[in-house]
């Protein structure tokens, strides 16, 4: 998850607090001492309680593909080479699923199943890798908002609202490209823009996607829709 560090006139510098909330580590800002959820960007306690950081869309991808698309990008370099993770044993152990497990979690799927989660308003969805067909596309209704979620060749998952202004779109894979059924325009679903046809130049609104273990997502969104 990626968030803006500035909220109104206040800028924040965050550090991991070492405490858990709903099976996930929480952050503390150095300016006010408030605690924040890194899953939702919401202030949990302190002067920033109930405030919410602006969430930015992000994607997990390869360095080669990212650099080709963004040749002027800046790189955050560690002061020393990172050779291992303190959490590797935890990641590898399927039985370690946080401290608190719900009945919903235990019945639905293994806690370490990787899901791609998205939220629109009060509606959440969790999509597994197995849900993506050969074209890598899933359409989902989130409280009346249709979102298209695509698994790209780089392994990254991106989502967009399937509409331009007030016009709703039905996007599918046809003739070797993603196209909307009404105009036949071709869409680049890595950038969310129409590249050919009557809608060339139009852009879809991105929906932030969180790639996370099922036990963590279900702890925050117990009533989430699941697409497998």
C-alpha atoms as a PDB file:
ATOM      1  CA  UNK A   1       0.000   0.000   0.000  1.00  0.00           C
ATOM      2  CA  UNK A   2       1.222   3.496  -0.818  1.00  0.00           C
ATOM      3  CA  UNK A   3      -0.109   6.651   0.835  1.00  0.00           C
ATOM      4  CA  UNK A   4       0.535  10.382   0.599  1.00  0.00           C
ATOM      5  CA  UNK A   5       2.533  11.587   3.605  1.00  0.00           C
ATOM      6  CA  UNK A   6       0.758  14.941   3.686  1.00  0.00           C
ATOM      7  CA  UNK A   7      -2.787  15.455   4.945  1.00  0.00           C
ATOM      8  CA  UNK A   8      -3.945  19.051   4.669  1.00  0.00           C
ATOM      9  CA  UNK A   9      -1.079  21.184   6.025  1.00  0.00           C
ATOM     10  CA  UNK A  10       0.350  18.341   8.153  1.00  0.00           C
ATOM     11  CA  UNK A  11       3.191  16.143   6.924  1.00  0.00           C
ATOM     12  CA  UNK A  12       3.987  12.850   8.609  1.00  0.00           C
ATOM     13  CA  UNK A  13       7.051  10.648   8.978  1.00  0.00           C
ATOM     14  CA  UNK A  14       6.164   7.044   9.801  1.00  0.00           C
ATOM     15  CA  UNK A  15       7.852   4.166  11.553  1.00  0.00           C
ATOM     16  CA  UNK A  16       6.653   0.662  12.412  1.00  0.00           C
ATOM     17  CA  UNK A  17       5.283   0.605  15.941  1.00  0.00           C
ATOM     18  CA  UNK A  18       5.736  -3.113  16.642  1.00  0.00           C
ATOM     19  CA  UNK A  19       2.058  -3.450  17.637  1.00  0.00           C
ATOM     20  CA  UNK A  20      -0.703  -5.364  15.848  1.00  0.00           C
ATOM     21  CA  UNK A  21      -4.257  -4.419  14.950  1.00  0.00           C
ATOM     22  CA  UNK A  22      -6.420  -6.975  13.152  1.00  0.00           C
ATOM     23  CA  UNK A  23      -3.398  -9.182  12.544  1.00  0.00           C
ATOM     24  CA  UNK A  24      -1.372  -6.420  10.858  1.00  0.00           C
ATOM     25  CA  UNK A  25       1.422  -4.179  12.063  1.00  0.00           C
ATOM     26  CA  UNK A  26       0.503  -0.558  12.657  1.00  0.00           C
ATOM     27  CA  UNK A  27       2.534   2.609  12.089  1.00  0.00           C
ATOM     28  CA  UNK A  28       3.333   5.515  14.408  1.00  0.00           C
ATOM     29  CA  UNK A  29       3.988   9.006  13.094  1.00  0.00           C
ATOM     30  CA  UNK A  30       6.866  10.924  14.680  1.00  0.00           C
ATOM     31  CA  UNK A  31       5.130  14.289  14.523  1.00  0.00           C
ATOM     32  CA  UNK A  32       2.057  13.570  16.695  1.00  0.00           C
ATOM     33  CA  UNK A  33       2.657  10.050  18.040  1.00  0.00           C
ATOM     34  CA  UNK A  34      -0.599   8.848  16.481  1.00  0.00           C
ATOM     35  CA  UNK A  35      -1.056   5.216  15.492  1.00  0.00           C
ATOM     36  CA  UNK A  36      -2.123   4.361  11.931  1.00  0.00           C
ATOM     37  CA  UNK A  37      -3.262   1.261  10.048  1.00  0.00           C
ATOM     38  CA  UNK A  38      -1.009   0.557   7.080  1.00  0.00           C
ATOM     39  CA  UNK A  39      -3.843  -1.460   5.466  1.00  0.00           C
ATOM     40  CA  UNK A  40      -6.457   1.323   5.464  1.00  0.00           C
ATOM     41  CA  UNK A  41      -4.380   4.475   6.043  1.00  0.00           C
ATOM     42  CA  UNK A  42      -6.693   5.395   8.932  1.00  0.00           C
ATOM     43  CA  UNK A  43      -5.580   7.065  12.160  1.00  0.00           C
ATOM     44  CA  UNK A  44      -6.409   4.702  15.050  1.00  0.00           C
ATOM     45  CA  UNK A  45      -5.471   6.745  18.105  1.00  0.00           C
ATOM     46  CA  UNK A  46      -3.870  10.033  19.093  1.00  0.00           C
ATOM     47  CA  UNK A  47      -4.364  13.485  17.524  1.00  0.00           C
ATOM     48  CA  UNK A  48      -4.827  11.920  14.071  1.00  0.00           C
ATOM     49  CA  UNK A  49      -7.576   9.502  15.148  1.00  0.00           C
ATOM     50  CA  UNK A  50     -10.226   9.004  12.396  1.00  0.00           C
ATOM     51  CA  UNK A  51      -8.169  10.898   9.821  1.00  0.00           C
ATOM     52  CA  UNK A  52      -7.368   9.009   6.628  1.00  0.00           C
ATOM     53  CA  UNK A  53      -4.380   9.324   4.326  1.00  0.00           C
ATOM     54  CA  UNK A  54      -4.863   9.616   0.569  1.00  0.00           C
ATOM     55  CA  UNK A  55      -4.116   6.271  -1.005  1.00  0.00           C
ATOM     56  CA  UNK A  56      -2.092   6.089  -4.211  1.00  0.00           C
ATOM     57  CA  UNK A  57      -2.389   3.301  -6.745  1.00  0.00           C
ATOM     58  CA  UNK A  58       0.653   1.050  -7.004  1.00  0.00           C
ATOM     59  CA  UNK A  59       1.596  -2.222  -8.677  1.00  0.00           C
ATOM     60  CA  UNK A  60       4.130  -5.000  -8.188  1.00  0.00           C
ATOM     61  CA  UNK A  61       6.074  -5.376 -11.409  1.00  0.00           C
ATOM     62  CA  UNK A  62       9.543  -6.103 -12.787  1.00  0.00           C
ATOM     63  CA  UNK A  63      12.292  -3.502 -12.822  1.00  0.00           C
ATOM     64  CA  UNK A  64      12.741  -4.003 -16.581  1.00  0.00           C
ATOM     65  CA  UNK A  65       9.105  -3.249 -17.332  1.00  0.00           C
ATOM     66  CA  UNK A  66       8.882  -0.343 -14.886  1.00  0.00           C
ATOM     67  CA  UNK A  67      12.020   1.321 -16.227  1.00  0.00           C
ATOM     68  CA  UNK A  68      10.826   0.952 -19.823  1.00  0.00           C
ATOM     69  CA  UNK A  69       7.576   2.739 -18.941  1.00  0.00           C
ATOM     70  CA  UNK A  70       9.179   5.299 -16.598  1.00  0.00           C
ATOM     71  CA  UNK A  71      12.808   5.871 -17.718  1.00  0.00           C
ATOM     72  CA  UNK A  72      13.246   8.926 -15.441  1.00  0.00           C
ATOM     73  CA  UNK A  73      12.119   7.149 -12.280  1.00  0.00           C
ATOM     74  CA  UNK A  74      14.084   7.616  -9.058  1.00  0.00           C
ATOM     75  CA  UNK A  75      15.244   4.588  -7.066  1.00  0.00           C
ATOM     76  CA  UNK A  76      15.239   4.257  -3.284  1.00  0.00           C
ATOM     77  CA  UNK A  77      18.517   2.501  -2.530  1.00  0.00           C
ATOM     78  CA  UNK A  78      19.226   0.805   0.775  1.00  0.00           C
ATOM     79  CA  UNK A  79      22.437   1.776   2.576  1.00  0.00           C
ATOM     80  CA  UNK A  80      23.470  -1.876   2.517  1.00  0.00           C
ATOM     81  CA  UNK A  81      22.529  -4.942   0.499  1.00  0.00           C
ATOM     82  CA  UNK A  82      19.455  -6.791   1.747  1.00  0.00           C
ATOM     83  CA  UNK A  83      20.230 -10.512   1.705  1.00  0.00           C
ATOM     84  CA  UNK A  84      17.314 -11.925   3.671  1.00  0.00           C
ATOM     85  CA  UNK A  85      14.071 -11.127   5.447  1.00  0.00           C
ATOM     86  CA  UNK A  86      13.463 -11.489   9.179  1.00  0.00           C
ATOM     87  CA  UNK A  87       9.961 -12.653   8.265  1.00  0.00           C
ATOM     88  CA  UNK A  88      10.903 -15.390   5.760  1.00  0.00           C
ATOM     89  CA  UNK A  89      10.103 -18.281   8.124  1.00  0.00           C
ATOM     90  CA  UNK A  90       6.777 -16.656   8.912  1.00  0.00           C
ATOM     91  CA  UNK A  91       5.962 -16.287   5.195  1.00  0.00           C
ATOM     92  CA  UNK A  92       6.875 -19.907   4.503  1.00  0.00           C
ATOM     93  CA  UNK A  93       4.915 -21.480   7.380  1.00  0.00           C
ATOM     94  CA  UNK A  94       1.280 -22.098   6.261  1.00  0.00           C
ATOM     95  CA  UNK A  95       0.151 -22.507   9.882  1.00  0.00           C
ATOM     96  CA  UNK A  96       1.212 -19.036  10.985  1.00  0.00           C
ATOM     97  CA  UNK A  97      -1.792 -16.900  10.153  1.00  0.00           C
ATOM     98  CA  UNK A  98      -1.692 -14.017  12.600  1.00  0.00           C
ATOM     99  CA  UNK A  99      -2.759 -14.087  16.240  1.00  0.00           C
ATOM    100  CA  UNK A 100      -6.522 -13.946  15.722  1.00  0.00           C
ATOM    101  CA  UNK A 101      -8.378 -16.250  13.340  1.00  0.00           C
ATOM    102  CA  UNK A 102     -12.033 -15.929  12.463  1.00  0.00           C
ATOM    103  CA  UNK A 103     -14.422 -18.755  11.564  1.00  0.00           C
ATOM    104  CA  UNK A 104     -14.902 -17.126   8.158  1.00  0.00           C
ATOM    105  CA  UNK A 105     -11.191 -17.309   7.512  1.00  0.00           C
ATOM    106  CA  UNK A 106     -10.889 -20.960   8.512  1.00  0.00           C
ATOM    107  CA  UNK A 107     -13.843 -22.077   6.405  1.00  0.00           C
ATOM    108  CA  UNK A 108     -13.153 -20.137   3.215  1.00  0.00           C
ATOM    109  CA  UNK A 109      -9.534 -20.793   2.239  1.00  0.00           C
ATOM    110  CA  UNK A 110      -6.054 -21.281   3.732  1.00  0.00           C
ATOM    111  CA  UNK A 111      -4.856 -18.149   5.510  1.00  0.00           C
ATOM    112  CA  UNK A 112      -1.662 -17.835   3.448  1.00  0.00           C
ATOM    113  CA  UNK A 113      -3.562 -17.795   0.139  1.00  0.00           C
ATOM    114  CA  UNK A 114      -2.499 -14.697  -1.772  1.00  0.00           C
ATOM    115  CA  UNK A 115      -5.415 -12.472  -2.800  1.00  0.00           C
ATOM    116  CA  UNK A 116      -5.710  -9.200  -4.666  1.00  0.00           C
ATOM    117  CA  UNK A 117      -8.052  -6.942  -2.738  1.00  0.00           C
ATOM    118  CA  UNK A 118      -9.916  -3.832  -3.854  1.00  0.00           C
ATOM    119  CA  UNK A 119     -12.402  -1.541  -2.145  1.00  0.00           C
ATOM    120  CA  UNK A 120     -14.968   0.866  -3.623  1.00  0.00           C
ATOM    121  CA  UNK A 121     -16.947   2.698  -0.965  1.00  0.00           C
ATOM    122  CA  UNK A 122     -18.235   0.137   1.531  1.00  0.00           C
ATOM    123  CA  UNK A 123     -17.731  -2.816  -0.838  1.00  0.00           C
ATOM    124  CA  UNK A 124     -14.651  -5.050  -0.933  1.00  0.00           C
ATOM    125  CA  UNK A 125     -13.522  -7.923  -3.129  1.00  0.00           C
ATOM    126  CA  UNK A 126     -10.717 -10.478  -2.828  1.00  0.00           C
ATOM    127  CA  UNK A 127      -9.573 -12.157  -6.058  1.00  0.00           C
ATOM    128  CA  UNK A 128      -7.267 -15.181  -6.186  1.00  0.00           C
ATOM    129  CA  UNK A 129      -4.794 -15.831  -9.004  1.00  0.00           C
ATOM    130  CA  UNK A 130      -6.926 -18.773 -10.112  1.00  0.00           C
ATOM    131  CA  UNK A 131      -9.837 -16.475 -10.949  1.00  0.00           C
ATOM    132  CA  UNK A 132      -8.046 -14.929 -13.913  1.00  0.00           C
ATOM    133  CA  UNK A 133      -8.737 -16.749 -17.175  1.00  0.00           C
ATOM    134  CA  UNK A 134      -6.436 -16.954 -20.203  1.00  0.00           C
ATOM    135  CA  UNK A 135      -7.016 -13.271 -20.969  1.00  0.00           C
ATOM    136  CA  UNK A 136      -6.152 -12.248 -17.393  1.00  0.00           C
ATOM    137  CA  UNK A 137      -9.368 -10.262 -16.950  1.00  0.00           C
ATOM    138  CA  UNK A 138     -11.992 -10.269 -14.187  1.00  0.00           C
ATOM    139  CA  UNK A 139     -15.024  -7.980 -14.018  1.00  0.00           C
ATOM    140  CA  UNK A 140     -16.613  -7.431 -10.627  1.00  0.00           C
ATOM    141  CA  UNK A 141     -19.570  -5.433  -9.317  1.00  0.00           C
ATOM    142  CA  UNK A 142     -18.803  -3.405  -6.199  1.00  0.00           C
ATOM    143  CA  UNK A 143     -22.020  -1.839  -4.998  1.00  0.00           C
ATOM    144  CA  UNK A 144     -23.143  -0.802  -8.461  1.00  0.00           C
ATOM    145  CA  UNK A 145     -19.658   0.154  -9.660  1.00  0.00           C
ATOM    146  CA  UNK A 146     -18.194  -2.260 -12.204  1.00  0.00           C
ATOM    147  CA  UNK A 147     -14.447  -2.680 -11.958  1.00  0.00           C
ATOM    148  CA  UNK A 148     -12.177  -4.479 -14.401  1.00  0.00           C
ATOM    149  CA  UNK A 149      -9.230  -6.215 -12.779  1.00  0.00           C
ATOM    150  CA  UNK A 150      -6.386  -7.445 -14.951  1.00  0.00           C
ATOM    151  CA  UNK A 151      -3.415  -9.712 -14.263  1.00  0.00           C
ATOM    152  CA  UNK A 152      -0.645  -8.457 -16.553  1.00  0.00           C
ATOM    153  CA  UNK A 153       2.267 -10.320 -18.086  1.00  0.00           C
ATOM    154  CA  UNK A 154       4.616  -8.843 -15.454  1.00  0.00           C
ATOM    155  CA  UNK A 155       2.551 -10.442 -12.677  1.00  0.00           C
ATOM    156  CA  UNK A 156       1.144  -7.116 -11.550  1.00  0.00           C
ATOM    157  CA  UNK A 157      -2.587  -6.702 -10.870  1.00  0.00           C
ATOM    158  CA  UNK A 158      -4.327  -3.466 -11.802  1.00  0.00           C
ATOM    159  CA  UNK A 159      -7.961  -2.392 -11.510  1.00  0.00           C
ATOM    160  CA  UNK A 160     -10.074   0.373 -13.057  1.00  0.00           C
ATOM    161  CA  UNK A 161     -13.656   1.563 -12.893  1.00  0.00           C
ATOM    162  CA  UNK A 162     -15.320   0.474 -16.144  1.00  0.00           C
ATOM    163  CA  UNK A 163     -16.777   3.840 -17.068  1.00  0.00           C
ATOM    164  CA  UNK A 164     -15.898   7.137 -18.697  1.00  0.00           C
ATOM    165  CA  UNK A 165     -17.892   9.948 -17.139  1.00  0.00           C
ATOM    166  CA  UNK A 166     -21.480   8.701 -16.882  1.00  0.00           C
ATOM    167  CA  UNK A 167     -20.956   6.090 -19.586  1.00  0.00           C
ATOM    168  CA  UNK A 168     -20.573   2.526 -18.301  1.00  0.00           C
ATOM    169  CA  UNK A 169     -18.367   0.198 -20.313  1.00  0.00           C
ATOM    170  CA  UNK A 170     -18.365  -3.551 -20.814  1.00  0.00           C
ATOM    171  CA  UNK A 171     -14.750  -4.462 -21.448  1.00  0.00           C
ATOM    172  CA  UNK A 172     -13.763  -7.875 -22.770  1.00  0.00           C
ATOM    173  CA  UNK A 173     -10.893  -9.526 -24.601  1.00  0.00           C
ATOM    174  CA  UNK A 174     -11.623  -9.673 -28.331  1.00  0.00           C
ATOM    175  CA  UNK A 175      -9.554  -9.672 -31.533  1.00  0.00           C
ATOM    176  CA  UNK A 176      -6.300  -9.769 -29.606  1.00  0.00           C
ATOM    177  CA  UNK A 177      -7.008  -6.757 -27.374  1.00  0.00           C
ATOM    178  CA  UNK A 178      -9.158  -5.510 -24.513  1.00  0.00           C
ATOM    179  CA  UNK A 179     -12.127  -3.727 -26.094  1.00  0.00           C
ATOM    180  CA  UNK A 180     -15.338  -2.145 -24.909  1.00  0.00           C
ATOM    181  CA  UNK A 181     -18.381  -3.816 -26.435  1.00  0.00           C
ATOM    182  CA  UNK A 182     -20.188  -0.592 -27.390  1.00  0.00           C
ATOM    183  CA  UNK A 183     -17.524   1.090 -29.545  1.00  0.00           C
ATOM    184  CA  UNK A 184     -14.917  -1.623 -30.120  1.00  0.00           C
ATOM    185  CA  UNK A 185     -12.203   0.739 -28.874  1.00  0.00           C
ATOM    186  CA  UNK A 186      -8.977  -0.936 -27.719  1.00  0.00           C
ATOM    187  CA  UNK A 187      -7.847  -0.342 -24.133  1.00  0.00           C
ATOM    188  CA  UNK A 188      -4.411  -0.559 -22.539  1.00  0.00           C
ATOM    189  CA  UNK A 189      -5.309  -1.975 -19.127  1.00  0.00           C
ATOM    190  CA  UNK A 190      -1.840  -1.426 -17.745  1.00  0.00           C
ATOM    191  CA  UNK A 191      -2.385   2.334 -18.035  1.00  0.00           C
ATOM    192  CA  UNK A 192      -6.198   2.419 -18.224  1.00  0.00           C
ATOM    193  CA  UNK A 193      -6.292   4.395 -21.484  1.00  0.00           C
ATOM    194  CA  UNK A 194      -7.980   3.807 -24.831  1.00  0.00           C
ATOM    195  CA  UNK A 195      -5.382   3.431 -27.586  1.00  0.00           C
ATOM    196  CA  UNK A 196      -7.546   2.932 -30.699  1.00  0.00           C
ATOM    197  CA  UNK A 197     -11.111   3.480 -31.834  1.00  0.00           C
ATOM    198  CA  UNK A 198     -13.714   6.149 -31.036  1.00  0.00           C
ATOM    199  CA  UNK A 199     -12.632   6.427 -27.403  1.00  0.00           C
ATOM    200  CA  UNK A 200      -8.927   6.981 -28.104  1.00  0.00           C
ATOM    201  CA  UNK A 201      -7.381   9.159 -25.424  1.00  0.00           C
ATOM    202  CA  UNK A 202     -10.065   8.517 -22.806  1.00  0.00           C
ATOM    203  CA  UNK A 203      -8.891   7.262 -19.407  1.00  0.00           C
ATOM    204  CA  UNK A 204     -10.418   5.012 -16.765  1.00  0.00           C
ATOM    205  CA  UNK A 205     -10.332   5.857 -13.045  1.00  0.00           C
ATOM    206  CA  UNK A 206      -7.839   3.545 -11.288  1.00  0.00           C
ATOM    207  CA  UNK A 207      -8.859   1.500  -8.258  1.00  0.00           C
ATOM    208  CA  UNK A 208      -6.052   0.742  -5.748  1.00  0.00           C
ATOM    209  CA  UNK A 209      -5.232  -2.967  -5.426  1.00  0.00           C
ATOM    210  CA  UNK A 210      -3.664  -4.600  -2.373  1.00  0.00           C
ATOM    211  CA  UNK A 211      -1.884  -7.934  -2.819  1.00  0.00           C
ATOM    212  CA  UNK A 212      -2.001  -9.572   0.594  1.00  0.00           C
ATOM    213  CA  UNK A 213      -2.499 -12.829   2.489  1.00  0.00           C
ATOM    214  CA  UNK A 214      -6.117 -13.902   2.893  1.00  0.00           C
ATOM    215  CA  UNK A 215      -5.915 -13.969   6.696  1.00  0.00           C
ATOM    216  CA  UNK A 216      -5.005 -10.272   6.772  1.00  0.00           C
ATOM    217  CA  UNK A 217      -7.558  -9.144   4.175  1.00  0.00           C
ATOM    218  CA  UNK A 218     -10.408 -11.063   5.792  1.00  0.00           C
ATOM    219  CA  UNK A 219      -9.554  -9.570   9.180  1.00  0.00           C
ATOM    220  CA  UNK A 220     -10.213  -6.083   7.817  1.00  0.00           C
ATOM    221  CA  UNK A 221     -13.029  -6.990   5.425  1.00  0.00           C
ATOM    222  CA  UNK A 222     -14.865 -10.027   6.893  1.00  0.00           C
ATOM    223  CA  UNK A 223     -17.806  -9.548   4.505  1.00  0.00           C
ATOM    224  CA  UNK A 224     -15.620  -9.242   1.424  1.00  0.00           C
ATOM    225  CA  UNK A 225     -16.793 -10.716  -1.856  1.00  0.00           C
ATOM    226  CA  UNK A 226     -14.490 -13.537  -2.962  1.00  0.00           C
ATOM    227  CA  UNK A 227     -13.735 -14.508  -6.554  1.00  0.00           C
ATOM    228  CA  UNK A 228     -11.748 -17.735  -6.976  1.00  0.00           C
END
